[in-house]
PDB file of all heavy atoms in Angstrom:
ATOM      1  N   HIS A   1      15.169   2.744 -26.003  1.00  0.00           N
ATOM      2  CA  HIS A   1      14.647   1.595 -26.948  1.00  0.00           C
ATOM      3  C   HIS A   1      13.437   1.032 -26.290  1.00  0.00           C
ATOM      4  O   HIS A   1      13.223   0.938 -25.045  1.00  0.00           O
ATOM      5  CB  HIS A   1      15.666   0.539 -27.151  1.00  0.00           C
ATOM      6  CG  HIS A   1      15.336  -0.608 -27.929  1.00  0.00           C
ATOM      7  ND1 HIS A   1      15.270  -0.525 -29.359  1.00  0.00           N
ATOM      8  CD2 HIS A   1      14.745  -1.856 -27.564  1.00  0.00           C
ATOM      9  CE1 HIS A   1      14.751  -1.646 -29.806  1.00  0.00           C
ATOM     10  NE2 HIS A   1      14.530  -2.448 -28.800  1.00  0.00           N
ATOM     11  N   TRP A   2      12.430   0.670 -27.174  1.00  0.00           N
ATOM     12  CA  TRP A   2      11.272  -0.062 -26.796  1.00  0.00           C
ATOM     13  C   TRP A   2      10.838  -1.011 -27.807  1.00  0.00           C
ATOM     14  O   TRP A   2      11.375  -1.041 -28.925  1.00  0.00           O
ATOM     15  CB  TRP A   2      10.127   0.942 -26.506  1.00  0.00           C
ATOM     16  CG  TRP A   2       9.683   1.774 -27.695  1.00  0.00           C
ATOM     17  CD1 TRP A   2       8.687   1.449 -28.621  1.00  0.00           C
ATOM     18  CD2 TRP A   2      10.155   2.986 -28.186  1.00  0.00           C
ATOM     19  NE1 TRP A   2       8.631   2.302 -29.627  1.00  0.00           N
ATOM     20  CE2 TRP A   2       9.448   3.376 -29.364  1.00  0.00           C
ATOM     21  CE3 TRP A   2      11.218   3.769 -27.716  1.00  0.00           C
ATOM     22  CZ2 TRP A   2       9.769   4.585 -30.159  1.00  0.00           C
ATOM     23  CZ3 TRP A   2      11.478   4.966 -28.381  1.00  0.00           C
ATOM     24  CH2 TRP A   2      10.858   5.355 -29.735  1.00  0.00           C
ATOM     25  N   ALA A   3      10.089  -2.104 -27.497  1.00  0.00           N
ATOM     26  CA  ALA A   3       9.739  -3.121 -28.271  1.00  0.00           C
ATOM     27  C   ALA A   3       8.232  -2.946 -28.640  1.00  0.00           C
ATOM     28  O   ALA A   3       7.607  -2.298 -27.962  1.00  0.00           O
ATOM     29  CB  ALA A   3       9.951  -4.547 -27.593  1.00  0.00           C
ATOM     30  N   PRO A   4       7.912  -3.598 -29.834  1.00  0.00           N
ATOM     31  CA  PRO A   4       6.421  -3.422 -30.178  1.00  0.00           C
ATOM     32  C   PRO A   4       5.535  -3.927 -29.046  1.00  0.00           C
ATOM     33  O   PRO A   4       5.814  -4.997 -28.438  1.00  0.00           O
ATOM     34  CB  PRO A   4       6.412  -4.232 -31.461  1.00  0.00           C
ATOM     35  CG  PRO A   4       7.562  -5.041 -31.376  1.00  0.00           C
ATOM     36  CD  PRO A   4       8.609  -4.381 -30.678  1.00  0.00           C
ATOM     37  N   GLY A   5       4.571  -3.167 -28.692  1.00  0.00           N
ATOM     38  CA  GLY A   5       3.614  -3.655 -27.624  1.00  0.00           C
ATOM     39  C   GLY A   5       3.835  -2.895 -26.329  1.00  0.00           C
ATOM     40  O   GLY A   5       3.019  -2.842 -25.382  1.00  0.00           O
ATOM     41  N   ASP A   6       5.049  -2.189 -26.167  1.00  0.00           N
ATOM     42  CA  ASP A   6       5.441  -1.558 -24.925  1.00  0.00           C
ATOM     43  C   ASP A   6       4.609  -0.291 -24.766  1.00  0.00           C
ATOM     44  O   ASP A   6       3.946   0.247 -25.601  1.00  0.00           O
ATOM     45  CB  ASP A   6       6.921  -1.155 -24.884  1.00  0.00           C
ATOM     46  CG  ASP A   6       7.856  -2.361 -24.643  1.00  0.00           C
ATOM     47  OD1 ASP A   6       7.174  -3.380 -24.157  1.00  0.00           O
ATOM     48  OD2 ASP A   6       8.991  -2.294 -24.732  1.00  0.00           O
ATOM     49  N   LEU A   7       4.681   0.268 -23.529  1.00  0.00           N
ATOM     50  CA  LEU A   7       3.863   1.454 -23.056  1.00  0.00           C
ATOM     51  C   LEU A   7       4.857   2.561 -22.729  1.00  0.00           C
ATOM     52  O   LEU A   7       5.899   2.282 -22.364  1.00  0.00           O
ATOM     53  CB  LEU A   7       3.072   1.021 -21.895  1.00  0.00           C
ATOM     54  CG  LEU A   7       2.186  -0.262 -21.990  1.00  0.00           C
ATOM     55  CD1 LEU A   7       1.638  -0.670 -20.607  1.00  0.00           C
ATOM     56  CD2 LEU A   7       1.105  -0.064 -23.090  1.00  0.00           C
ATOM     57  N   LEU A   8       4.181   3.737 -22.660  1.00  0.00           N
ATOM     58  CA  LEU A   8       4.853   5.002 -22.015  1.00  0.00           C
ATOM     59  C   LEU A   8       3.978   5.369 -21.010  1.00  0.00           C
ATOM     60  O   LEU A   8       2.756   5.575 -21.061  1.00  0.00           O
ATOM     61  CB  LEU A   8       4.871   6.023 -23.142  1.00  0.00           C
ATOM     62  CG  LEU A   8       5.879   7.293 -22.561  1.00  0.00           C
ATOM     63  CD1 LEU A   8       7.267   6.826 -22.553  1.00  0.00           C
ATOM     64  CD2 LEU A   8       5.662   8.444 -23.462  1.00  0.00           C
ATOM     65  N   GLU A   9       4.699   5.356 -19.757  1.00  0.00           N
ATOM     66  CA  GLU A   9       4.099   5.967 -18.552  1.00  0.00           C
ATOM     67  C   GLU A   9       4.278   7.535 -18.484  1.00  0.00           C
ATOM     68  O   GLU A   9       5.485   7.989 -18.424  1.00  0.00           O
ATOM     69  CB  GLU A   9       4.593   5.206 -17.354  1.00  0.00           C
ATOM     70  CG  GLU A   9       4.117   3.743 -17.310  1.00  0.00           C
ATOM     71  CD  GLU A   9       4.462   3.105 -15.941  1.00  0.00           C
ATOM     72  OE1 GLU A   9       5.529   3.401 -15.232  1.00  0.00           O
ATOM     73  OE2 GLU A   9       3.764   2.224 -15.548  1.00  0.00           O
ATOM     74  N   ILE A  10       3.203   8.172 -18.376  1.00  0.00           N
ATOM     75  CA  ILE A  10       3.337   9.672 -18.289  1.00  0.00           C
ATOM     76  C   ILE A  10       2.930  10.167 -17.000  1.00  0.00           C
ATOM     77  O   ILE A  10       1.730   9.823 -16.503  1.00  0.00           O
ATOM     78  CB  ILE A  10       2.525  10.335 -19.444  1.00  0.00           C
ATOM     79  CG1 ILE A  10       3.181   9.859 -20.798  1.00  0.00           C
ATOM     80  CG2 ILE A  10       2.548  11.829 -19.279  1.00  0.00           C
ATOM     81  CD1 ILE A  10       2.478  10.558 -22.057  1.00  0.00           C
ATOM     82  N   ALA A  11       3.553  11.077 -16.303  1.00  0.00           N
ATOM     83  CA  ALA A  11       3.145  11.723 -15.180  1.00  0.00           C
ATOM     84  C   ALA A  11       2.301  12.998 -15.556  1.00  0.00           C
ATOM     85  O   ALA A  11       2.825  14.011 -16.054  1.00  0.00           O
ATOM     86  CB  ALA A  11       4.284  12.228 -14.269  1.00  0.00           C
ATOM     87  N   PRO A  12       0.941  13.005 -15.452  1.00  0.00           N
ATOM     88  CA  PRO A  12       0.222  14.090 -15.909  1.00  0.00           C
ATOM     89  C   PRO A  12       0.182  15.338 -14.969  1.00  0.00           C
ATOM     90  O   PRO A  12       0.722  15.172 -13.920  1.00  0.00           O
ATOM     91  CB  PRO A  12      -1.285  13.545 -16.029  1.00  0.00           C
ATOM     92  CG  PRO A  12      -1.291  12.460 -14.906  1.00  0.00           C
ATOM     93  CD  PRO A  12       0.122  11.920 -14.913  1.00  0.00           C
ATOM     94  N   ARG A  13      -0.340  16.395 -15.468  1.00  0.00           N
ATOM     95  CA  ARG A  13      -0.419  17.611 -14.605  1.00  0.00           C
ATOM     96  C   ARG A  13      -1.775  18.138 -14.732  1.00  0.00           C
ATOM     97  O   ARG A  13      -2.458  18.091 -15.798  1.00  0.00           O
ATOM     98  CB  ARG A  13       0.652  18.672 -14.967  1.00  0.00           C
ATOM     99  CG  ARG A  13       2.111  18.089 -14.958  1.00  0.00           C
ATOM    100  CD  ARG A  13       3.178  19.313 -15.308  1.00  0.00           C
ATOM    101  NE  ARG A  13       3.316  20.159 -14.195  1.00  0.00           N
ATOM    102  CZ  ARG A  13       4.056  20.021 -13.143  1.00  0.00           C
ATOM    103  NH1 ARG A  13       4.796  18.997 -13.105  1.00  0.00           N
ATOM    104  NH2 ARG A  13       4.099  20.966 -12.268  1.00  0.00           N
ATOM    105  N   GLN A  14      -2.288  18.798 -13.662  1.00  0.00           N
ATOM    106  CA  GLN A  14      -3.492  19.570 -13.709  1.00  0.00           C
ATOM    107  C   GLN A  14      -3.241  20.767 -14.549  1.00  0.00           C
ATOM    108  O   GLN A  14      -2.045  21.388 -14.500  1.00  0.00           O
ATOM    109  CB  GLN A  14      -3.832  19.961 -12.322  1.00  0.00           C
ATOM    110  CG  GLN A  14      -4.192  18.957 -11.341  1.00  0.00           C
ATOM    111  CD  GLN A  14      -5.564  18.251 -11.440  1.00  0.00           C
ATOM    112  OE1 GLN A  14      -6.352  18.733 -12.353  1.00  0.00           O
ATOM    113  NE2 GLN A  14      -5.862  17.383 -10.508  1.00  0.00           N
ATOM    114  N   ARG A  15      -4.096  21.189 -15.343  1.00  0.00           N
ATOM    115  CA  ARG A  15      -4.069  22.497 -16.219  1.00  0.00           C
ATOM    116  C   ARG A  15      -4.080  23.688 -15.185  1.00  0.00           C
ATOM    117  O   ARG A  15      -4.745  23.755 -14.143  1.00  0.00           O
ATOM    118  CB  ARG A  15      -5.098  22.675 -17.254  1.00  0.00           C
ATOM    119  CG  ARG A  15      -4.942  21.510 -18.301  1.00  0.00           C
ATOM    120  CD  ARG A  15      -6.056  21.558 -19.322  1.00  0.00           C
ATOM    121  NE  ARG A  15      -7.365  21.321 -18.729  1.00  0.00           N
ATOM    122  CZ  ARG A  15      -8.451  21.763 -19.140  1.00  0.00           C
ATOM    123  NH1 ARG A  15      -8.488  22.682 -20.168  1.00  0.00           N
ATOM    124  NH2 ARG A  15      -9.614  21.432 -18.553  1.00  0.00           N
ATOM    125  N   ALA A  16      -3.302  24.634 -15.495  1.00  0.00           N
ATOM    126  CA  ALA A  16      -3.149  25.874 -14.686  1.00  0.00           C
ATOM    127  C   ALA A  16      -4.473  26.496 -14.298  1.00  0.00           C
ATOM    128  O   ALA A  16      -4.723  26.942 -13.158  1.00  0.00           O
ATOM    129  CB  ALA A  16      -2.226  26.787 -15.357  1.00  0.00           C
ATOM    130  N   GLU A  17      -5.391  26.569 -15.323  1.00  0.00           N
ATOM    131  CA  GLU A  17      -6.640  27.228 -14.988  1.00  0.00           C
ATOM    132  C   GLU A  17      -7.452  26.453 -14.031  1.00  0.00           C
ATOM    133  O   GLU A  17      -8.301  26.990 -13.179  1.00  0.00           O
ATOM    134  CB  GLU A  17      -7.542  27.428 -16.347  1.00  0.00           C
ATOM    135  CG  GLU A  17      -7.687  26.176 -17.087  1.00  0.00           C
ATOM    136  CD  GLU A  17      -6.710  25.970 -18.100  1.00  0.00           C
ATOM    137  OE1 GLU A  17      -5.499  26.262 -17.957  1.00  0.00           O
ATOM    138  OE2 GLU A  17      -7.136  25.454 -19.209  1.00  0.00           O
ATOM    139  N   ARG A  18      -7.369  25.062 -14.144  1.00  0.00           N
ATOM    140  CA  ARG A  18      -8.053  24.220 -13.152  1.00  0.00           C
ATOM    141  C   ARG A  18      -7.575  24.503 -11.586  1.00  0.00           C
ATOM    142  O   ARG A  18      -8.287  24.573 -10.671  1.00  0.00           O
ATOM    143  CB  ARG A  18      -7.935  22.865 -13.531  1.00  0.00           C
ATOM    144  CG  ARG A  18      -8.346  21.735 -12.423  1.00  0.00           C
ATOM    145  CD  ARG A  18      -9.720  21.812 -12.084  1.00  0.00           C
ATOM    146  NE  ARG A  18     -10.069  20.698 -11.167  1.00  0.00           N
ATOM    147  CZ  ARG A  18     -11.034  20.812 -10.212  1.00  0.00           C
ATOM    148  NH1 ARG A  18     -11.826  21.847 -10.157  1.00  0.00           N
ATOM    149  NH2 ARG A  18     -11.145  19.788  -9.377  1.00  0.00           N
ATOM    150  N   VAL A  19      -6.210  24.576 -11.563  1.00  0.00           N
ATOM    151  CA  VAL A  19      -5.593  24.850 -10.245  1.00  0.00           C
ATOM    152  C   VAL A  19      -5.983  26.095  -9.637  1.00  0.00           C
ATOM    153  O   VAL A  19      -6.380  26.275  -8.498  1.00  0.00           O
ATOM    154  CB  VAL A  19      -4.079  24.752 -10.237  1.00  0.00           C
ATOM    155  CG1 VAL A  19      -3.359  25.269  -8.953  1.00  0.00           C
ATOM    156  CG2 VAL A  19      -3.514  23.355 -10.615  1.00  0.00           C
ATOM    157  N   ALA A  20      -6.036  27.151 -10.497  1.00  0.00           N
ATOM    158  CA  ALA A  20      -6.491  28.551 -10.034  1.00  0.00           C
ATOM    159  C   ALA A  20      -7.790  28.596  -9.591  1.00  0.00           C
ATOM    160  O   ALA A  20      -8.256  29.120  -8.526  1.00  0.00           O
ATOM    161  CB  ALA A  20      -6.141  29.494 -11.166  1.00  0.00           C
ATOM    162  N   ALA A  21      -8.721  27.845 -10.255  1.00  0.00           N
ATOM    163  CA  ALA A  21     -10.123  27.892  -9.851  1.00  0.00           C
ATOM    164  C   ALA A  21     -10.397  27.041  -8.613  1.00  0.00           C
ATOM    165  O   ALA A  21     -11.185  27.468  -7.807  1.00  0.00           O
ATOM    166  CB  ALA A  21     -10.976  27.335 -10.925  1.00  0.00           C
ATOM    167  N   TRP A  22      -9.575  25.986  -8.500  1.00  0.00           N
ATOM    168  CA  TRP A  22      -9.748  25.203  -7.203  1.00  0.00           C
ATOM    169  C   TRP A  22      -9.094  25.841  -6.021  1.00  0.00           C
ATOM    170  O   TRP A  22      -9.668  25.674  -4.959  1.00  0.00           O
ATOM    171  CB  TRP A  22      -8.947  23.728  -7.467  1.00  0.00           C
ATOM    172  CG  TRP A  22      -9.183  22.846  -6.358  1.00  0.00           C
ATOM    173  CD1 TRP A  22     -10.241  21.874  -6.285  1.00  0.00           C
ATOM    174  CD2 TRP A  22      -8.279  22.499  -5.314  1.00  0.00           C
ATOM    175  NE1 TRP A  22      -9.986  21.201  -5.179  1.00  0.00           N
ATOM    176  CE2 TRP A  22      -8.940  21.508  -4.598  1.00  0.00           C
ATOM    177  CE3 TRP A  22      -7.172  23.130  -4.946  1.00  0.00           C
ATOM    178  CZ2 TRP A  22      -8.364  21.076  -3.405  1.00  0.00           C
ATOM    179  CZ3 TRP A  22      -6.520  22.741  -3.675  1.00  0.00           C
ATOM    180  CH2 TRP A  22      -7.061  21.695  -3.094  1.00  0.00           C
ATOM    181  N   LEU A  23      -8.122  26.534  -6.189  1.00  0.00           N
ATOM    182  CA  LEU A  23      -7.410  27.101  -5.137  1.00  0.00           C
ATOM    183  C   LEU A  23      -8.190  28.342  -4.469  1.00  0.00           C
ATOM    184  O   LEU A  23      -7.996  28.751  -3.294  1.00  0.00           O
ATOM    185  CB  LEU A  23      -6.003  27.597  -5.544  1.00  0.00           C
ATOM    186  CG  LEU A  23      -4.951  28.029  -4.529  1.00  0.00           C
ATOM    187  CD1 LEU A  23      -4.756  27.032  -3.207  1.00  0.00           C
ATOM    188  CD2 LEU A  23      -3.695  28.256  -5.036  1.00  0.00           C
ATOM    189  N   GLN A  24      -8.837  29.051  -5.384  1.00  0.00           N
ATOM    190  CA  GLN A  24      -9.435  30.385  -5.031  1.00  0.00           C
ATOM    191  C   GLN A  24     -10.300  30.306  -3.682  1.00  0.00           C
ATOM    192  O   GLN A  24     -10.122  31.155  -2.822  1.00  0.00           O
ATOM    193  CB  GLN A  24     -10.200  30.817  -6.136  1.00  0.00           C
ATOM    194  CG  GLN A  24     -10.707  32.370  -6.014  1.00  0.00           C
ATOM    195  CD  GLN A  24     -11.988  32.461  -5.295  1.00  0.00           C
ATOM    196  OE1 GLN A  24     -12.788  31.559  -5.374  1.00  0.00           O
ATOM    197  NE2 GLN A  24     -12.186  33.670  -4.679  1.00  0.00           N
ATOM    198  N   PRO A  25     -11.092  29.339  -3.587  1.00  0.00           N
ATOM    199  CA  PRO A  25     -12.033  29.282  -2.409  1.00  0.00           C
ATOM    200  C   PRO A  25     -11.148  29.006  -1.124  1.00  0.00           C
ATOM    201  O   PRO A  25     -11.602  29.361  -0.046  1.00  0.00           O
ATOM    202  CB  PRO A  25     -13.013  28.150  -2.572  1.00  0.00           C
ATOM    203  CG  PRO A  25     -12.907  27.888  -4.073  1.00  0.00           C
ATOM    204  CD  PRO A  25     -11.527  28.263  -4.465  1.00  0.00           C
ATOM    205  N   LEU A  26     -10.023  28.489  -1.093  1.00  0.00           N
ATOM    206  CA  LEU A  26      -9.240  28.292   0.053  1.00  0.00           C
ATOM    207  C   LEU A  26      -8.498  29.494   0.468  1.00  0.00           C
ATOM    208  O   LEU A  26      -7.926  29.547   1.651  1.00  0.00           O
ATOM    209  CB  LEU A  26      -8.345  27.196  -0.158  1.00  0.00           C
ATOM    210  CG  LEU A  26      -8.826  25.813  -0.528  1.00  0.00           C
ATOM    211  CD1 LEU A  26      -7.852  24.778  -0.938  1.00  0.00           C
ATOM    212  CD2 LEU A  26      -9.717  25.197   0.650  1.00  0.00           C
ATOM    213  N   GLY A  27      -8.457  30.551  -0.317  1.00  0.00           N
ATOM    214  CA  GLY A  27      -7.800  31.811   0.221  1.00  0.00           C
ATOM    215  C   GLY A  27      -6.289  31.763   0.343  1.00  0.00           C
ATOM    216  O   GLY A  27      -5.689  32.567   1.117  1.00  0.00           O
ATOM    217  N   LEU A  28      -5.626  30.796  -0.190  1.00  0.00           N
ATOM    218  CA  LEU A  28      -4.164  30.776  -0.165  1.00  0.00           C
ATOM    219  C   LEU A  28      -3.588  31.399  -1.417  1.00  0.00           C
ATOM    220  O   LEU A  28      -4.039  31.217  -2.489  1.00  0.00           O
ATOM    221  CB  LEU A  28      -3.621  29.294   0.007  1.00  0.00           C
ATOM    222  CG  LEU A  28      -4.166  28.552   1.335  1.00  0.00           C
ATOM    223  CD1 LEU A  28      -3.777  27.178   1.164  1.00  0.00           C
ATOM    224  CD2 LEU A  28      -3.530  29.197   2.464  1.00  0.00           C
ATOM    225  N   ALA A  29      -2.352  32.028  -1.183  1.00  0.00           N
ATOM    226  CA  ALA A  29      -1.752  32.711  -2.319  1.00  0.00           C
ATOM    227  C   ALA A  29      -1.056  31.671  -3.260  1.00  0.00           C
ATOM    228  O   ALA A  29      -0.405  30.682  -2.781  1.00  0.00           O
ATOM    229  CB  ALA A  29      -0.684  33.690  -1.825  1.00  0.00           C
ATOM    230  N   ALA A  30      -1.359  31.806  -4.586  1.00  0.00           N
ATOM    231  CA  ALA A  30      -0.821  30.767  -5.525  1.00  0.00           C
ATOM    232  C   ALA A  30       0.780  30.760  -5.439  1.00  0.00           C
ATOM    233  O   ALA A  30       1.400  29.746  -5.838  1.00  0.00           O
ATOM    234  CB  ALA A  30      -1.327  31.135  -6.904  1.00  0.00           C
ATOM    235  N   ASP A  31       1.308  31.846  -5.142  1.00  0.00           N
ATOM    236  CA  ASP A  31       2.874  31.914  -5.188  1.00  0.00           C
ATOM    237  C   ASP A  31       3.498  31.642  -3.728  1.00  0.00           C
ATOM    238  O   ASP A  31       4.708  31.801  -3.619  1.00  0.00           O
ATOM    239  CB  ASP A  31       3.277  33.338  -5.607  1.00  0.00           C
ATOM    240  CG  ASP A  31       2.864  34.478  -4.801  1.00  0.00           C
ATOM    241  OD1 ASP A  31       2.050  34.278  -3.929  1.00  0.00           O
ATOM    242  OD2 ASP A  31       3.257  35.500  -5.081  1.00  0.00           O
ATOM    243  N   SER A  32       2.650  31.199  -2.856  1.00  0.00           N
ATOM    244  CA  SER A  32       3.102  30.611  -1.516  1.00  0.00           C
ATOM    245  C   SER A  32       4.228  29.462  -1.816  1.00  0.00           C
ATOM    246  O   SER A  32       4.124  28.772  -2.806  1.00  0.00           O
ATOM    247  CB  SER A  32       2.171  30.098  -0.719  1.00  0.00           C
ATOM    248  OG  SER A  32       1.060  31.093  -0.405  1.00  0.00           O
ATOM    249  N   ARG A  33       5.288  29.429  -1.002  1.00  0.00           N
ATOM    250  CA  ARG A  33       6.391  28.459  -1.248  1.00  0.00           C
ATOM    251  C   ARG A  33       6.060  27.195  -0.397  1.00  0.00           C
ATOM    252  O   ARG A  33       5.786  27.270   0.726  1.00  0.00           O
ATOM    253  CB  ARG A  33       7.708  29.038  -0.768  1.00  0.00           C
ATOM    254  CG  ARG A  33       8.092  30.293  -1.731  1.00  0.00           C
ATOM    255  CD  ARG A  33       8.466  29.781  -3.161  1.00  0.00           C
ATOM    256  NE  ARG A  33       8.708  31.016  -4.133  1.00  0.00           N
ATOM    257  CZ  ARG A  33       9.152  30.815  -5.240  1.00  0.00           C
ATOM    258  NH1 ARG A  33       9.534  29.556  -5.626  1.00  0.00           N
ATOM    259  NH2 ARG A  33       9.484  31.823  -5.941  1.00  0.00           N
ATOM    260  N   VAL A  34       6.163  26.015  -1.132  1.00  0.00           N
ATOM    261  CA  VAL A  34       6.026  24.796  -0.386  1.00  0.00           C
ATOM    262  C   VAL A  34       7.155  23.868  -0.928  1.00  0.00           C
ATOM    263  O   VAL A  34       8.004  24.216  -1.786  1.00  0.00           O
ATOM    264  CB  VAL A  34       4.705  24.128  -0.883  1.00  0.00           C
ATOM    265  CG1 VAL A  34       3.514  24.918  -0.430  1.00  0.00           C
ATOM    266  CG2 VAL A  34       4.714  23.994  -2.389  1.00  0.00           C
ATOM    267  N   GLU A  35       7.354  22.852  -0.110  1.00  0.00           N
ATOM    268  CA  GLU A  35       8.514  21.860  -0.464  1.00  0.00           C
ATOM    269  C   GLU A  35       7.828  20.436  -0.832  1.00  0.00           C
ATOM    270  O   GLU A  35       7.040  19.901  -0.154  1.00  0.00           O
ATOM    271  CB  GLU A  35       9.256  21.681   0.553  1.00  0.00           C
ATOM    272  CG  GLU A  35      10.720  20.920   0.383  1.00  0.00           C
ATOM    273  CD  GLU A  35      11.684  20.955   1.491  1.00  0.00           C
ATOM    274  OE1 GLU A  35      12.198  22.011   1.872  1.00  0.00           O
ATOM    275  OE2 GLU A  35      11.799  19.847   2.094  1.00  0.00           O
ATOM    276  N   ILE A  36       8.318  19.896  -1.930  1.00  0.00           N
ATOM    277  CA  ILE A  36       8.035  18.394  -2.205  1.00  0.00           C
ATOM    278  C   ILE A  36       9.352  17.723  -2.571  1.00  0.00           C
ATOM    279  O   ILE A  36      10.067  18.110  -3.502  1.00  0.00           O
ATOM    280  CB  ILE A  36       7.043  18.384  -3.535  1.00  0.00           C
ATOM    281  CG1 ILE A  36       5.764  19.051  -3.280  1.00  0.00           C
ATOM    282  CG2 ILE A  36       6.845  16.936  -3.867  1.00  0.00           C
ATOM    283  CD1 ILE A  36       4.798  19.012  -4.370  1.00  0.00           C
ATOM    284  N   GLY A  37       9.571  16.745  -1.775  1.00  0.00           N
ATOM    285  CA  GLY A  37      10.907  15.869  -2.093  1.00  0.00           C
ATOM    286  C   GLY A  37      12.125  16.757  -2.089  1.00  0.00           C
ATOM    287  O   GLY A  37      13.025  16.477  -2.832  1.00  0.00           O
ATOM    288  N   GLY A  38      12.065  17.607  -1.128  1.00  0.00           N
ATOM    289  CA  GLY A  38      13.352  18.556  -1.026  1.00  0.00           C
ATOM    290  C   GLY A  38      13.521  19.622  -2.150  1.00  0.00           C
ATOM    291  O   GLY A  38      14.518  20.411  -2.001  1.00  0.00           O
ATOM    292  N   VAL A  39      12.456  19.797  -2.898  1.00  0.00           N
ATOM    293  CA  VAL A  39      12.386  20.922  -3.913  1.00  0.00           C
ATOM    294  C   VAL A  39      11.400  21.966  -3.598  1.00  0.00           C
ATOM    295  O   VAL A  39      10.251  21.459  -3.235  1.00  0.00           O
ATOM    296  CB  VAL A  39      12.112  20.338  -5.338  1.00  0.00           C
ATOM    297  CG1 VAL A  39      12.073  21.369  -6.368  1.00  0.00           C
ATOM    298  CG2 VAL A  39      13.156  19.236  -5.779  1.00  0.00           C
ATOM    299  N   THR A  40      11.853  23.200  -3.511  1.00  0.00           N
ATOM    300  CA  THR A  40      10.897  24.290  -3.213  1.00  0.00           C
ATOM    301  C   THR A  40      10.209  24.732  -4.530  1.00  0.00           C
ATOM    302  O   THR A  40      10.855  24.934  -5.545  1.00  0.00           O
ATOM    303  CB  THR A  40      11.749  25.472  -2.597  1.00  0.00           C
ATOM    304  OG1 THR A  40      12.294  25.024  -1.446  1.00  0.00           O
ATOM    305  CG2 THR A  40      10.666  26.491  -2.278  1.00  0.00           C
ATOM    306  N   LEU A  41       8.782  24.884  -4.431  1.00  0.00           N
ATOM    307  CA  LEU A  41       8.070  25.100  -5.485  1.00  0.00           C
ATOM    308  C   LEU A  41       6.956  26.216  -5.144  1.00  0.00           C
ATOM    309  O   LEU A  41       6.648  26.248  -3.930  1.00  0.00           O
ATOM    310  CB  LEU A  41       7.344  23.961  -6.101  1.00  0.00           C
ATOM    311  CG  LEU A  41       8.082  22.764  -6.577  1.00  0.00           C
ATOM    312  CD1 LEU A  41       7.121  21.573  -6.729  1.00  0.00           C
ATOM    313  CD2 LEU A  41       8.879  23.144  -7.849  1.00  0.00           C
ATOM    314  N   LYS A  42       6.452  26.938  -6.085  1.00  0.00           N
ATOM    315  CA  LYS A  42       5.208  27.722  -5.871  1.00  0.00           C
ATOM    316  C   LYS A  42       3.965  26.796  -5.480  1.00  0.00           C
ATOM    317  O   LYS A  42       3.967  25.734  -6.177  1.00  0.00           O
ATOM    318  CB  LYS A  42       4.828  28.616  -7.034  1.00  0.00           C
ATOM    319  CG  LYS A  42       5.884  29.765  -7.214  1.00  0.00           C
ATOM    320  CD  LYS A  42       5.461  30.665  -8.307  1.00  0.00           C
ATOM    321  CE  LYS A  42       6.416  31.730  -8.630  1.00  0.00           C
ATOM    322  NZ  LYS A  42       6.046  32.599  -9.719  1.00  0.00           N
ATOM    323  N   LEU A  43       3.036  27.210  -4.728  1.00  0.00           N
ATOM    324  CA  LEU A  43       1.934  26.340  -4.344  1.00  0.00           C
ATOM    325  C   LEU A  43       1.111  25.956  -5.654  1.00  0.00           C
ATOM    326  O   LEU A  43       0.848  24.851  -5.779  1.00  0.00           O
ATOM    327  CB  LEU A  43       1.051  27.075  -3.473  1.00  0.00           C
ATOM    328  CG  LEU A  43      -0.184  26.441  -3.038  1.00  0.00           C
ATOM    329  CD1 LEU A  43      -0.015  25.014  -2.452  1.00  0.00           C
ATOM    330  CD2 LEU A  43      -1.125  27.257  -2.231  1.00  0.00           C
ATOM    331  N   ALA A  44       0.951  26.809  -6.586  1.00  0.00           N
ATOM    332  CA  ALA A  44       0.159  26.544  -7.704  1.00  0.00           C
ATOM    333  C   ALA A  44       0.870  25.415  -8.561  1.00  0.00           C
ATOM    334  O   ALA A  44       0.222  24.577  -9.011  1.00  0.00           O
ATOM    335  CB  ALA A  44      -0.024  27.844  -8.528  1.00  0.00           C
ATOM    336  N   THR A  45       2.141  25.551  -8.695  1.00  0.00           N
ATOM    337  CA  THR A  45       2.949  24.556  -9.351  1.00  0.00           C
ATOM    338  C   THR A  45       2.815  23.217  -8.784  1.00  0.00           C
ATOM    339  O   THR A  45       2.742  22.222  -9.444  1.00  0.00           O
ATOM    340  CB  THR A  45       4.375  25.051  -9.510  1.00  0.00           C
ATOM    341  OG1 THR A  45       4.432  26.322 -10.168  1.00  0.00           O
ATOM    342  CG2 THR A  45       5.228  24.033 -10.407  1.00  0.00           C
TER     343      THR A  45
END
């Protein structure tokens, strides 16, 4: 439920093509595994 005038806060994401272009000069594999807050993810994600 929300009232008139209220807001929605959205957690945005980088677009996948932007991530790929930014990561390429660093020489790291996009599918490398990393951890954020106890969750294991691919680096690109």
